[in-house]
Amino acid sequence: MPFKTKFLAVMALISTLGLSMFAQAQPVAPIDGYPTKPIRLILGHSAGGNADTFARALAKPLSERLGQPIIIENKAGANQIIAAELTARSTPDGYTIYLASQTSLVLNVGAYKKLPYDSLKDFAPVSLLYTVPLYLVVNPTVPATNVKQLIDLAKSKPGTINFASVGTGSSVHLSGEMFKSMTGIDIVHVPYKGSVEGLTDLMAGRVQLMFDGGVSALPRVNEGKLRVLAMTGAERSPSFPNIPTMAESGVPGYTALFWFGIVAPQATPQPIVARLSREIGAILNDPVFKKLFQEQGVDPISSTPAEFSKLIRDDLPKWIGIMKQAGVQQN
């Protein structure tokens, strides 16, 4: 089964089963009457994508634990700004939550001169959901079988090696810029409209390397159309243990994990935020749930609200600094 098809099929299976096969959770008594009606889960992504499918896989068991339906609303568009603003302006009563991404809460801050929301002031972090590493892939004709060889090659031919991205200011672009900054190499950024376009030119040899998600890149590696050199996580993926990290491949300190999490409107009562965080954490920490997603290159990981808040605060200066260094122009 193709990698992406298997990824979606597993998530669809979890959504259908509601984890009933391995998480025999019973609804917990409401806290001060909460919840007494359906909860809407807003997404800045289109229906059918990976974030949407993960949300639907989470919604079924979360609904069972809370005793109320979780209604998913897809509000895609404007680089997730529409969904984030809608959440920020919603009543902070626990009946609106948002599947936020690093793009919406961190990267957009550096990409836009003015946003209709403040990432730190307008949201109450609930829980991290999952992280996704990127994979450094090269055209098979590139004379480098590891990251150190690629660095040496780039240093011997400054300004002649191109790297693809899915757009200026994207996580894919910034991973390449961090690679440049931490190694002192001079490689040229070539932005594309999306992953498919970038990978197509990479396989054709019009660009030489790219950082991309496993769902998109690894099938091409399996087909022999690309060569994978490393992944950007802090540790090797349990599903792909033969792929080394960037840090162990000659770039100490290099880590670039891209995350998704749940936030609520700021001023949502703390007991409700804590309740949502606990229930989500119980689902994410189920060993079978975790294993099923890890096999697809996605790492479910829960957090406390405070831990998620710290992650957002720590990521803002890191990635905005990289964007400024790369000369990313704000819209």
C-alpha atoms as a PDB file:
ATOM      1  CA  MET A   1       0.000   0.000   0.000  1.00  0.00           C
ATOM      2  CA  PRO A   2       1.433   3.454  -0.889  1.00  0.00           C
ATOM      3  CA  PHE A   3       2.770   5.394   2.086  1.00  0.00           C
ATOM      4  CA  LYS A   4       0.206   8.205   1.974  1.00  0.00           C
ATOM      5  CA  THR A   5      -2.702   5.825   1.355  1.00  0.00           C
ATOM      6  CA  LYS A   6      -1.652   3.728   4.353  1.00  0.00           C
ATOM      7  CA  PHE A   7      -1.294   6.890   6.472  1.00  0.00           C
ATOM      8  CA  LEU A   8      -4.841   8.002   5.687  1.00  0.00           C
ATOM      9  CA  ALA A   9      -6.256   4.492   6.016  1.00  0.00           C
ATOM     10  CA  VAL A  10      -4.824   4.061   9.519  1.00  0.00           C
ATOM     11  CA  MET A  11      -6.238   7.399  10.644  1.00  0.00           C
ATOM     12  CA  ALA A  12      -9.615   6.563   9.128  1.00  0.00           C
ATOM     13  CA  LEU A  13      -9.590   3.241  10.983  1.00  0.00           C
ATOM     14  CA  ILE A  14      -8.871   4.963  14.293  1.00  0.00           C
ATOM     15  CA  SER A  15     -11.635   7.468  13.620  1.00  0.00           C
ATOM     16  CA  THR A  16     -14.098   4.683  12.858  1.00  0.00           C
ATOM     17  CA  LEU A  17     -13.175   2.616  15.900  1.00  0.00           C
ATOM     18  CA  GLY A  18     -12.988   5.586  18.240  1.00  0.00           C
ATOM     19  CA  LEU A  19     -10.162   3.728  19.990  1.00  0.00           C
ATOM     20  CA  SER A  20     -12.796   1.398  21.418  1.00  0.00           C
ATOM     21  CA  MET A  21     -10.572  -1.600  20.764  1.00  0.00           C
ATOM     22  CA  PHE A  22      -7.802  -0.369  23.020  1.00  0.00           C
ATOM     23  CA  ALA A  23      -8.970   2.570  25.120  1.00  0.00           C
ATOM     24  CA  GLN A  24     -11.966   1.562  27.168  1.00  0.00           C
ATOM     25  CA  ALA A  25     -12.556   5.067  28.446  1.00  0.00           C
ATOM     26  CA  GLN A  26     -15.862   5.940  30.066  1.00  0.00           C
ATOM     27  CA  PRO A  27     -17.270   9.474  29.999  1.00  0.00           C
ATOM     28  CA  VAL A  28     -16.101  11.452  33.003  1.00  0.00           C
ATOM     29  CA  ALA A  29     -18.539  13.499  35.053  1.00  0.00           C
ATOM     30  CA  PRO A  30     -18.682  17.118  33.811  1.00  0.00           C
ATOM     31  CA  ILE A  31     -16.839  19.826  35.726  1.00  0.00           C
ATOM     32  CA  ASP A  32     -19.401  22.390  36.893  1.00  0.00           C
ATOM     33  CA  GLY A  33     -21.718  21.274  34.114  1.00  0.00           C
ATOM     34  CA  TYR A  34     -19.060  21.271  31.377  1.00  0.00           C
ATOM     35  CA  PRO A  35     -19.571  20.160  28.739  1.00  0.00           C
ATOM     36  CA  THR A  36     -23.318  20.343  28.234  1.00  0.00           C
ATOM     37  CA  LYS A  37     -23.364  20.814  24.458  1.00  0.00           C
ATOM     38  CA  PRO A  38     -21.247  20.000  21.385  1.00  0.00           C
ATOM     39  CA  ILE A  39     -17.720  21.399  21.137  1.00  0.00           C
ATOM     40  CA  ARG A  40     -16.493  22.741  17.818  1.00  0.00           C
ATOM     41  CA  LEU A  41     -12.963  21.977  16.709  1.00  0.00           C
ATOM     42  CA  ILE A  42     -11.772  24.535  14.156  1.00  0.00           C
ATOM     43  CA  LEU A  43      -9.131  23.627  11.583  1.00  0.00           C
ATOM     44  CA  GLY A  44      -7.190  25.866   9.225  1.00  0.00           C
ATOM     45  CA  HIS A  45      -6.825  22.949   6.820  1.00  0.00           C
ATOM     46  CA  SER A  46      -9.007  21.486   4.101  1.00  0.00           C
ATOM     47  CA  ALA A  47     -11.000  18.306   4.602  1.00  0.00           C
ATOM     48  CA  GLY A  48      -9.136  15.149   3.677  1.00  0.00           C
ATOM     49  CA  GLY A  49      -5.637  16.359   4.463  1.00  0.00           C
ATOM     50  CA  ASN A  50      -3.376  14.898   7.117  1.00  0.00           C
ATOM     51  CA  ALA A  51      -4.241  17.470   9.816  1.00  0.00           C
ATOM     52  CA  ASP A  52      -7.947  17.006   9.126  1.00  0.00           C
ATOM     53  CA  THR A  53      -7.672  13.231   9.291  1.00  0.00           C
ATOM     54  CA  PHE A  54      -5.737  13.387  12.569  1.00  0.00           C
ATOM     55  CA  ALA A  55      -8.396  15.730  13.976  1.00  0.00           C
ATOM     56  CA  ARG A  56     -11.156  13.296  13.061  1.00  0.00           C
ATOM     57  CA  ALA A  57      -9.208  10.407  14.569  1.00  0.00           C
ATOM     58  CA  LEU A  58      -8.896  12.396  17.802  1.00  0.00           C
ATOM     59  CA  ALA A  59     -12.461  13.720  17.816  1.00  0.00           C
ATOM     60  CA  LYS A  60     -14.212  10.364  18.190  1.00  0.00           C
ATOM     61  CA  PRO A  61     -12.514   9.192  21.412  1.00  0.00           C
ATOM     62  CA  LEU A  62     -12.476  12.740  22.789  1.00  0.00           C
ATOM     63  CA  SER A  63     -16.221  12.936  22.233  1.00  0.00           C
ATOM     64  CA  GLU A  64     -16.651   9.635  24.070  1.00  0.00           C
ATOM     65  CA  ARG A  65     -14.564  10.825  27.012  1.00  0.00           C
ATOM     66  CA  LEU A  66     -16.352  14.167  27.294  1.00  0.00           C
ATOM     67  CA  GLY A  67     -19.826  12.826  26.625  1.00  0.00           C
ATOM     68  CA  GLN A  68     -20.538  15.422  23.932  1.00  0.00           C
ATOM     69  CA  PRO A  69     -20.028  15.535  20.149  1.00  0.00           C
ATOM     70  CA  ILE A  70     -16.911  17.178  18.720  1.00  0.00           C
ATOM     71  CA  ILE A  71     -17.930  19.054  15.568  1.00  0.00           C
ATOM     72  CA  ILE A  72     -15.083  19.703  13.140  1.00  0.00           C
ATOM     73  CA  GLU A  73     -15.208  22.947  11.153  1.00  0.00           C
ATOM     74  CA  ASN A  74     -12.743  23.308   8.277  1.00  0.00           C
ATOM     75  CA  LYS A  75     -11.878  26.982   7.784  1.00  0.00           C
ATOM     76  CA  ALA A  76      -9.007  26.711   5.345  1.00  0.00           C
ATOM     77  CA  GLY A  77      -7.491  29.740   3.649  1.00  0.00           C
ATOM     78  CA  ALA A  78      -5.107  32.674   4.055  1.00  0.00           C
ATOM     79  CA  ASN A  79      -2.319  30.491   5.423  1.00  0.00           C
ATOM     80  CA  GLN A  80      -4.526  29.420   8.376  1.00  0.00           C
ATOM     81  CA  ILE A  81      -5.177  33.030   9.418  1.00  0.00           C
ATOM     82  CA  ILE A  82      -8.951  32.700   8.956  1.00  0.00           C
ATOM     83  CA  ALA A  83      -9.226  29.805  11.405  1.00  0.00           C
ATOM     84  CA  ALA A  84      -6.910  31.377  13.967  1.00  0.00           C
ATOM     85  CA  GLU A  85      -8.778  34.687  13.938  1.00  0.00           C
ATOM     86  CA  LEU A  86     -12.131  32.922  14.237  1.00  0.00           C
ATOM     87  CA  THR A  87     -10.874  31.090  17.319  1.00  0.00           C
ATOM     88  CA  ALA A  88      -9.387  34.209  18.879  1.00  0.00           C
ATOM     89  CA  ARG A  89     -12.711  36.046  18.501  1.00  0.00           C
ATOM     90  CA  SER A  90     -14.850  33.174  19.807  1.00  0.00           C
ATOM     91  CA  THR A  91     -16.487  33.116  23.230  1.00  0.00           C
ATOM     92  CA  PRO A  92     -13.986  31.697  25.766  1.00  0.00           C
ATOM     93  CA  ASP A  93     -16.362  29.163  27.263  1.00  0.00           C
ATOM     94  CA  GLY A  94     -14.691  25.876  26.304  1.00  0.00           C
ATOM     95  CA  TYR A  95     -16.971  25.178  23.360  1.00  0.00           C
ATOM     96  CA  THR A  96     -14.514  26.347  20.708  1.00  0.00           C
ATOM     97  CA  ILE A  97     -11.046  24.843  20.335  1.00  0.00           C
ATOM     98  CA  TYR A  98      -8.555  25.136  17.489  1.00  0.00           C
ATOM     99  CA  LEU A  99      -6.100  22.680  15.993  1.00  0.00           C
ATOM    100  CA  ALA A 100      -3.245  25.151  15.672  1.00  0.00           C
ATOM    101  CA  SER A 101      -0.044  24.587  13.773  1.00  0.00           C
ATOM    102  CA  GLN A 102       3.411  26.044  14.111  1.00  0.00           C
ATOM    103  CA  THR A 103       2.629  27.944  10.919  1.00  0.00           C
ATOM    104  CA  SER A 104      -0.370  29.748  12.381  1.00  0.00           C
ATOM    105  CA  LEU A 105       1.101  30.615  15.791  1.00  0.00           C
ATOM    106  CA  VAL A 106       4.801  31.079  14.990  1.00  0.00           C
ATOM    107  CA  LEU A 107       5.781  31.325  11.334  1.00  0.00           C
ATOM    108  CA  ASN A 108       2.941  33.678  10.404  1.00  0.00           C
ATOM    109  CA  VAL A 109       4.196  36.136  13.019  1.00  0.00           C
ATOM    110  CA  GLY A 110       7.405  36.503  11.036  1.00  0.00           C
ATOM    111  CA  ALA A 111       5.737  36.330   7.628  1.00  0.00           C
ATOM    112  CA  TYR A 112       3.117  39.062   8.070  1.00  0.00           C
ATOM    113  CA  LYS A 113       3.497  42.680   9.125  1.00  0.00           C
ATOM    114  CA  LYS A 114       0.097  42.630  10.813  1.00  0.00           C
ATOM    115  CA  LEU A 115      -2.003  39.687  11.937  1.00  0.00           C
ATOM    116  CA  PRO A 116      -5.607  39.882  13.179  1.00  0.00           C
ATOM    117  CA  TYR A 117      -4.557  37.937  16.270  1.00  0.00           C
ATOM    118  CA  ASP A 118      -1.714  37.797  18.785  1.00  0.00           C
ATOM    119  CA  SER A 119      -0.229  34.326  19.230  1.00  0.00           C
ATOM    120  CA  LEU A 120       0.658  34.936  22.877  1.00  0.00           C
ATOM    121  CA  LYS A 121      -2.284  37.053  24.023  1.00  0.00           C
ATOM    122  CA  ASP A 122      -5.292  35.663  22.177  1.00  0.00           C
ATOM    123  CA  PHE A 123      -5.030  31.928  22.875  1.00  0.00           C
ATOM    124  CA  ALA A 124      -4.966  29.567  25.839  1.00  0.00           C
ATOM    125  CA  PRO A 125      -2.693  26.606  24.998  1.00  0.00           C
ATOM    126  CA  VAL A 126      -4.321  23.279  25.865  1.00  0.00           C
ATOM    127  CA  SER A 127      -2.041  20.485  24.662  1.00  0.00           C
ATOM    128  CA  LEU A 128       0.503  19.632  22.046  1.00  0.00           C
ATOM    129  CA  LEU A 129      -0.849  16.944  19.684  1.00  0.00           C
ATOM    130  CA  TYR A 130       1.939  15.703  17.476  1.00  0.00           C
ATOM    131  CA  THR A 131       5.235  16.598  15.889  1.00  0.00           C
ATOM    132  CA  VAL A 132       6.506  15.882  12.400  1.00  0.00           C
ATOM    133  CA  PRO A 133      10.164  15.904  11.327  1.00  0.00           C
ATOM    134  CA  LEU A 134      11.334  16.717   7.829  1.00  0.00           C
ATOM    135  CA  TYR A 135      13.700  14.608   5.751  1.00  0.00           C
ATOM    136  CA  LEU A 136      16.721  15.879   3.829  1.00  0.00           C
ATOM    137  CA  VAL A 137      16.536  14.282   0.394  1.00  0.00           C
ATOM    138  CA  VAL A 138      18.784  14.755  -2.626  1.00  0.00           C
ATOM    139  CA  ASN A 139      18.722  13.811  -6.271  1.00  0.00           C
ATOM    140  CA  PRO A 140      20.506  10.446  -6.680  1.00  0.00           C
ATOM    141  CA  THR A 141      23.071  12.053  -8.998  1.00  0.00           C
ATOM    142  CA  VAL A 142      24.339  14.305  -6.195  1.00  0.00           C
ATOM    143  CA  PRO A 143      27.741  12.875  -5.169  1.00  0.00           C
ATOM    144  CA  ALA A 144      26.928  12.733  -1.459  1.00  0.00           C
ATOM    145  CA  THR A 145      25.668   9.779   0.538  1.00  0.00           C
ATOM    146  CA  ASN A 146      25.666  11.553   3.897  1.00  0.00           C
ATOM    147  CA  VAL A 147      25.266  15.065   5.260  1.00  0.00           C
ATOM    148  CA  LYS A 148      28.981  15.657   5.822  1.00  0.00           C
ATOM    149  CA  GLN A 149      29.706  14.868   2.183  1.00  0.00           C
ATOM    150  CA  LEU A 150      26.910  17.217   1.129  1.00  0.00           C
ATOM    151  CA  ILE A 151      28.363  20.018   3.255  1.00  0.00           C
ATOM    152  CA  ASP A 152      31.825  19.455   1.784  1.00  0.00           C
ATOM    153  CA  LEU A 153      30.353  19.464  -1.719  1.00  0.00           C
ATOM    154  CA  ALA A 154      28.465  22.707  -1.098  1.00  0.00           C
ATOM    155  CA  LYS A 155      31.568  24.386   0.316  1.00  0.00           C
ATOM    156  CA  SER A 156      33.577  23.368  -2.738  1.00  0.00           C
ATOM    157  CA  LYS A 157      30.936  24.801  -5.101  1.00  0.00           C
ATOM    158  CA  PRO A 158      29.409  27.850  -3.345  1.00  0.00           C
ATOM    159  CA  GLY A 159      26.248  29.242  -4.883  1.00  0.00           C
ATOM    160  CA  THR A 160      25.798  26.404  -7.370  1.00  0.00           C
ATOM    161  CA  ILE A 161      23.634  23.972  -5.389  1.00  0.00           C
ATOM    162  CA  ASN A 162      19.908  24.724  -5.214  1.00  0.00           C
ATOM    163  CA  PHE A 163      17.381  23.633  -2.607  1.00  0.00           C
ATOM    164  CA  ALA A 164      13.635  23.499  -3.168  1.00  0.00           C
ATOM    165  CA  SER A 165      10.892  24.574  -0.776  1.00  0.00           C
ATOM    166  CA  VAL A 166       7.114  24.818  -0.742  1.00  0.00           C
ATOM    167  CA  GLY A 167       7.273  28.599  -0.490  1.00  0.00           C
ATOM    168  CA  THR A 168       9.217  31.412   1.105  1.00  0.00           C
ATOM    169  CA  GLY A 169       8.806  31.393   4.873  1.00  0.00           C
ATOM    170  CA  SER A 170       7.520  27.817   4.983  1.00  0.00           C
ATOM    171  CA  SER A 171       8.891  25.231   7.401  1.00  0.00           C
ATOM    172  CA  VAL A 172      10.553  23.510   4.445  1.00  0.00           C
ATOM    173  CA  HIS A 173      12.274  26.747   3.432  1.00  0.00           C
ATOM    174  CA  LEU A 174      13.366  27.637   6.955  1.00  0.00           C
ATOM    175  CA  SER A 175      14.817  24.174   7.549  1.00  0.00           C
ATOM    176  CA  GLY A 176      17.083  24.798   4.577  1.00  0.00           C
ATOM    177  CA  GLU A 177      17.999  28.258   5.827  1.00  0.00           C
ATOM    178  CA  MET A 178      18.910  26.856   9.234  1.00  0.00           C
ATOM    179  CA  PHE A 179      21.069  24.257   7.476  1.00  0.00           C
ATOM    180  CA  LYS A 180      22.858  27.080   5.639  1.00  0.00           C
ATOM    181  CA  SER A 181      23.318  29.143   8.784  1.00  0.00           C
ATOM    182  CA  MET A 182      24.630  26.328  10.969  1.00  0.00           C
ATOM    183  CA  THR A 183      27.102  24.989   8.404  1.00  0.00           C
ATOM    184  CA  GLY A 184      28.238  28.146   6.640  1.00  0.00           C
ATOM    185  CA  ILE A 185      27.370  26.800   3.204  1.00  0.00           C
ATOM    186  CA  ASP A 186      26.044  28.874   0.302  1.00  0.00           C
ATOM    187  CA  ILE A 187      23.106  27.094  -1.327  1.00  0.00           C
ATOM    188  CA  VAL A 188      20.365  28.826  -3.323  1.00  0.00           C
ATOM    189  CA  HIS A 189      16.694  28.773  -2.332  1.00  0.00           C
ATOM    190  CA  VAL A 190      14.188  27.960  -5.090  1.00  0.00           C
ATOM    191  CA  PRO A 191      10.555  28.298  -3.901  1.00  0.00           C
ATOM    192  CA  TYR A 192       7.727  26.260  -5.420  1.00  0.00           C
ATOM    193  CA  LYS A 193       3.955  26.359  -5.045  1.00  0.00           C
ATOM    194  CA  GLY A 194       3.909  23.048  -3.224  1.00  0.00           C
ATOM    195  CA  SER A 195       5.679  19.840  -2.349  1.00  0.00           C
ATOM    196  CA  VAL A 196       4.695  18.051  -5.553  1.00  0.00           C
ATOM    197  CA  GLU A 197       6.208  20.745  -7.753  1.00  0.00           C
ATOM    198  CA  GLY A 198       9.401  20.902  -5.711  1.00  0.00           C
ATOM    199  CA  LEU A 199       9.862  17.144  -5.634  1.00  0.00           C
ATOM    200  CA  THR A 200       9.182  16.906  -9.369  1.00  0.00           C
ATOM    201  CA  ASP A 201      12.044  19.280 -10.151  1.00  0.00           C
ATOM    202  CA  LEU A 202      14.234  17.585  -7.550  1.00  0.00           C
ATOM    203  CA  MET A 203      13.735  14.206  -9.198  1.00  0.00           C
ATOM    204  CA  ALA A 204      14.416  15.807 -12.598  1.00  0.00           C
ATOM    205  CA  GLY A 205      17.685  17.265 -11.321  1.00  0.00           C
ATOM    206  CA  ARG A 206      16.710  20.922 -11.747  1.00  0.00           C
ATOM    207  CA  VAL A 207      17.329  21.379  -8.005  1.00  0.00           C
ATOM    208  CA  GLN A 208      19.625  19.227  -5.915  1.00  0.00           C
ATOM    209  CA  LEU A 209      18.113  18.923  -2.441  1.00  0.00           C
ATOM    210  CA  MET A 210      15.036  19.546  -0.341  1.00  0.00           C
ATOM    211  CA  PHE A 211      13.762  19.215   3.213  1.00  0.00           C
ATOM    212  CA  ASP A 212      10.290  17.683   3.021  1.00  0.00           C
ATOM    213  CA  GLY A 213       7.782  15.654   5.006  1.00  0.00           C
ATOM    214  CA  GLY A 214       8.007  11.900   5.106  1.00  0.00           C
ATOM    215  CA  VAL A 215       4.572  11.376   3.563  1.00  0.00           C
ATOM    216  CA  SER A 216       5.722  13.196   0.427  1.00  0.00           C
ATOM    217  CA  ALA A 217       9.427  12.382   0.248  1.00  0.00           C
ATOM    218  CA  LEU A 218       9.906   8.840   1.512  1.00  0.00           C
ATOM    219  CA  PRO A 219       7.816   7.095  -1.155  1.00  0.00           C
ATOM    220  CA  ARG A 220      10.177   8.592  -3.750  1.00  0.00           C
ATOM    221  CA  VAL A 221      13.111   7.300  -1.735  1.00  0.00           C
ATOM    222  CA  ASN A 222      11.597   3.820  -1.699  1.00  0.00           C
ATOM    223  CA  GLU A 223      11.181   4.032  -5.475  1.00  0.00           C
ATOM    224  CA  GLY A 224      14.846   4.960  -5.928  1.00  0.00           C
ATOM    225  CA  LYS A 225      14.001   8.403  -7.287  1.00  0.00           C
ATOM    226  CA  LEU A 226      15.567  10.241  -4.342  1.00  0.00           C
ATOM    227  CA  ARG A 227      18.206   9.567  -1.700  1.00  0.00           C
ATOM    228  CA  VAL A 228      17.525  10.386   1.947  1.00  0.00           C
ATOM    229  CA  LEU A 229      20.467  11.640   4.005  1.00  0.00           C
ATOM    230  CA  ALA A 230      18.967  12.582   7.374  1.00  0.00           C
ATOM    231  CA  MET A 231      15.899  13.655   9.325  1.00  0.00           C
ATOM    232  CA  THR A 232      15.417  16.802  11.389  1.00  0.00           C
ATOM    233  CA  GLY A 233      14.144  15.323  14.660  1.00  0.00           C
ATOM    234  CA  ALA A 234      16.132  15.214  17.880  1.00  0.00           C
ATOM    235  CA  GLU A 235      16.051  11.402  17.807  1.00  0.00           C
ATOM    236  CA  ARG A 236      15.713   8.815  15.066  1.00  0.00           C
ATOM    237  CA  SER A 237      12.185   7.836  14.145  1.00  0.00           C
ATOM    238  CA  PRO A 238      11.133   4.433  15.545  1.00  0.00           C
ATOM    239  CA  SER A 239       9.603   3.720  12.145  1.00  0.00           C
ATOM    240  CA  PHE A 240      12.713   4.652  10.155  1.00  0.00           C
ATOM    241  CA  PRO A 241      15.609   3.807  12.505  1.00  0.00           C
ATOM    242  CA  ASN A 242      18.164   3.642   9.694  1.00  0.00           C
ATOM    243  CA  ILE A 243      17.764   7.342   8.870  1.00  0.00           C
ATOM    244  CA  PRO A 244      20.157   9.387  11.047  1.00  0.00           C
ATOM    245  CA  THR A 245      19.358  12.760  12.567  1.00  0.00           C
ATOM    246  CA  MET A 246      20.938  15.949  11.265  1.00  0.00           C
ATOM    247  CA  ALA A 247      22.701  16.375  14.603  1.00  0.00           C
ATOM    248  CA  GLU A 248      24.439  13.011  14.474  1.00  0.00           C
ATOM    249  CA  SER A 249      25.239  13.541  10.791  1.00  0.00           C
ATOM    250  CA  GLY A 250      27.568  16.464  11.340  1.00  0.00           C
ATOM    251  CA  VAL A 251      25.332  19.414  12.273  1.00  0.00           C
ATOM    252  CA  PRO A 252      25.338  19.455  16.111  1.00  0.00           C
ATOM    253  CA  GLY A 253      22.305  21.129  17.634  1.00  0.00           C
ATOM    254  CA  TYR A 254      20.222  20.975  14.479  1.00  0.00           C
ATOM    255  CA  THR A 255      16.608  20.137  15.371  1.00  0.00           C
ATOM    256  CA  ALA A 256      13.530  21.155  13.426  1.00  0.00           C
ATOM    257  CA  LEU A 257      10.302  19.504  14.516  1.00  0.00           C
ATOM    258  CA  PHE A 258       7.075  20.980  13.262  1.00  0.00           C
ATOM    259  CA  TRP A 259       4.151  20.692  15.602  1.00  0.00           C
ATOM    260  CA  PHE A 260       0.379  20.814  15.865  1.00  0.00           C
ATOM    261  CA  GLY A 261      -1.596  21.375  19.050  1.00  0.00           C
ATOM    262  CA  ILE A 262      -4.909  22.397  20.563  1.00  0.00           C
ATOM    263  CA  VAL A 263      -5.570  25.921  21.815  1.00  0.00           C
ATOM    264  CA  ALA A 264      -8.700  27.657  23.060  1.00  0.00           C
ATOM    265  CA  PRO A 265      -9.610  31.347  23.100  1.00  0.00           C
ATOM    266  CA  GLN A 266      -7.773  33.302  25.778  1.00  0.00           C
ATOM    267  CA  ALA A 267      -9.749  33.625  29.037  1.00  0.00           C
ATOM    268  CA  THR A 268     -11.213  30.133  28.689  1.00  0.00           C
ATOM    269  CA  PRO A 269     -11.610  29.021  32.346  1.00  0.00           C
ATOM    270  CA  GLN A 270      -8.532  27.226  33.627  1.00  0.00           C
ATOM    271  CA  PRO A 271     -10.444  24.177  34.936  1.00  0.00           C
ATOM    272  CA  ILE A 272     -11.870  23.634  31.451  1.00  0.00           C
ATOM    273  CA  VAL A 273      -8.453  23.999  29.816  1.00  0.00           C
ATOM    274  CA  ALA A 274      -7.007  21.523  32.320  1.00  0.00           C
ATOM    275  CA  ARG A 275      -9.849  19.056  31.715  1.00  0.00           C
ATOM    276  CA  LEU A 276      -9.413  19.187  27.940  1.00  0.00           C
ATOM    277  CA  SER A 277      -5.663  18.749  28.308  1.00  0.00           C
ATOM    278  CA  ARG A 278      -6.069  15.664  30.517  1.00  0.00           C
ATOM    279  CA  GLU A 279      -8.582  13.998  28.205  1.00  0.00           C
ATOM    280  CA  ILE A 280      -6.517  14.684  25.085  1.00  0.00           C
ATOM    281  CA  GLY A 281      -3.396  13.443  26.853  1.00  0.00           C
ATOM    282  CA  ALA A 282      -5.071  10.173  27.793  1.00  0.00           C
ATOM    283  CA  ILE A 283      -5.838   9.525  24.124  1.00  0.00           C
ATOM    284  CA  LEU A 284      -2.427  10.543  22.794  1.00  0.00           C
ATOM    285  CA  ASN A 285      -0.597   8.432  25.365  1.00  0.00           C
ATOM    286  CA  ASP A 286      -2.474   5.245  24.565  1.00  0.00           C
ATOM    287  CA  PRO A 287       0.304   2.860  23.391  1.00  0.00           C
ATOM    288  CA  VAL A 288      -1.667   1.516  20.447  1.00  0.00           C
ATOM    289  CA  PHE A 289      -2.747   4.972  19.276  1.00  0.00           C
ATOM    290  CA  LYS A 290       0.834   6.199  19.550  1.00  0.00           C
ATOM    291  CA  LYS A 291       2.295   3.211  17.719  1.00  0.00           C
ATOM    292  CA  LEU A 292      -0.148   3.424  14.835  1.00  0.00           C
ATOM    293  CA  PHE A 293       0.807   7.019  14.153  1.00  0.00           C
ATOM    294  CA  GLN A 294       4.530   6.564  14.732  1.00  0.00           C
ATOM    295  CA  GLU A 295       4.514   3.907  12.030  1.00  0.00           C
ATOM    296  CA  GLN A 296       3.479   6.666   9.630  1.00  0.00           C
ATOM    297  CA  GLY A 297       6.186   9.113  10.724  1.00  0.00           C
ATOM    298  CA  VAL A 298       3.917  11.124  13.031  1.00  0.00           C
ATOM    299  CA  ASP A 299       4.745  11.282  16.739  1.00  0.00           C
ATOM    300  CA  PRO A 300       1.731  11.874  19.024  1.00  0.00           C
ATOM    301  CA  ILE A 301       2.917  13.757  22.090  1.00  0.00           C
ATOM    302  CA  SER A 302       0.844  15.299  24.850  1.00  0.00           C
ATOM    303  CA  SER A 303       1.774  18.207  27.083  1.00  0.00           C
ATOM    304  CA  THR A 304       0.442  20.324  29.884  1.00  0.00           C
ATOM    305  CA  PRO A 305      -0.911  23.758  28.981  1.00  0.00           C
ATOM    306  CA  ALA A 306       2.192  25.322  30.537  1.00  0.00           C
ATOM    307  CA  GLU A 307       4.537  23.121  28.507  1.00  0.00           C
ATOM    308  CA  PHE A 308       2.748  23.956  25.272  1.00  0.00           C
ATOM    309  CA  SER A 309       2.809  27.657  26.127  1.00  0.00           C
ATOM    310  CA  LYS A 310       6.570  27.487  26.697  1.00  0.00           C
ATOM    311  CA  LEU A 311       7.069  25.753  23.348  1.00  0.00           C
ATOM    312  CA  ILE A 312       5.259  28.550  21.524  1.00  0.00           C
ATOM    313  CA  ARG A 313       7.213  31.232  23.377  1.00  0.00           C
ATOM    314  CA  ASP A 314      10.534  29.508  22.714  1.00  0.00           C
ATOM    315  CA  ASP A 315       9.789  28.916  19.039  1.00  0.00           C
ATOM    316  CA  LEU A 316       8.850  32.511  18.225  1.00  0.00           C
ATOM    317  CA  PRO A 317      12.314  34.102  18.594  1.00  0.00           C
ATOM    318  CA  LYS A 318      14.042  31.054  17.102  1.00  0.00           C
ATOM    319  CA  TRP A 319      12.110  30.959  13.845  1.00  0.00           C
ATOM    320  CA  ILE A 320      11.576  34.697  13.464  1.00  0.00           C
ATOM    321  CA  GLY A 321      15.344  35.084  13.823  1.00  0.00           C
ATOM    322  CA  ILE A 322      15.922  32.523  11.082  1.00  0.00           C
ATOM    323  CA  MET A 323      13.389  34.292   8.858  1.00  0.00           C
ATOM    324  CA  LYS A 324      15.105  37.643   9.336  1.00  0.00           C
ATOM    325  CA  GLN A 325      18.502  36.121   8.654  1.00  0.00           C
ATOM    326  CA  ALA A 326      17.104  34.580   5.462  1.00  0.00           C
ATOM    327  CA  GLY A 327      15.727  37.938   4.365  1.00  0.00           C
ATOM    328  CA  VAL A 328      12.100  36.798   4.320  1.00  0.00           C
ATOM    329  CA  GLN A 329       9.979  39.815   3.379  1.00  0.00           C
ATOM    330  CA  GLN A 330       6.832  40.316   5.431  1.00  0.00           C
ATOM    331  CA  ASN A 331       3.506  40.463   3.606  1.00  0.00           C
END
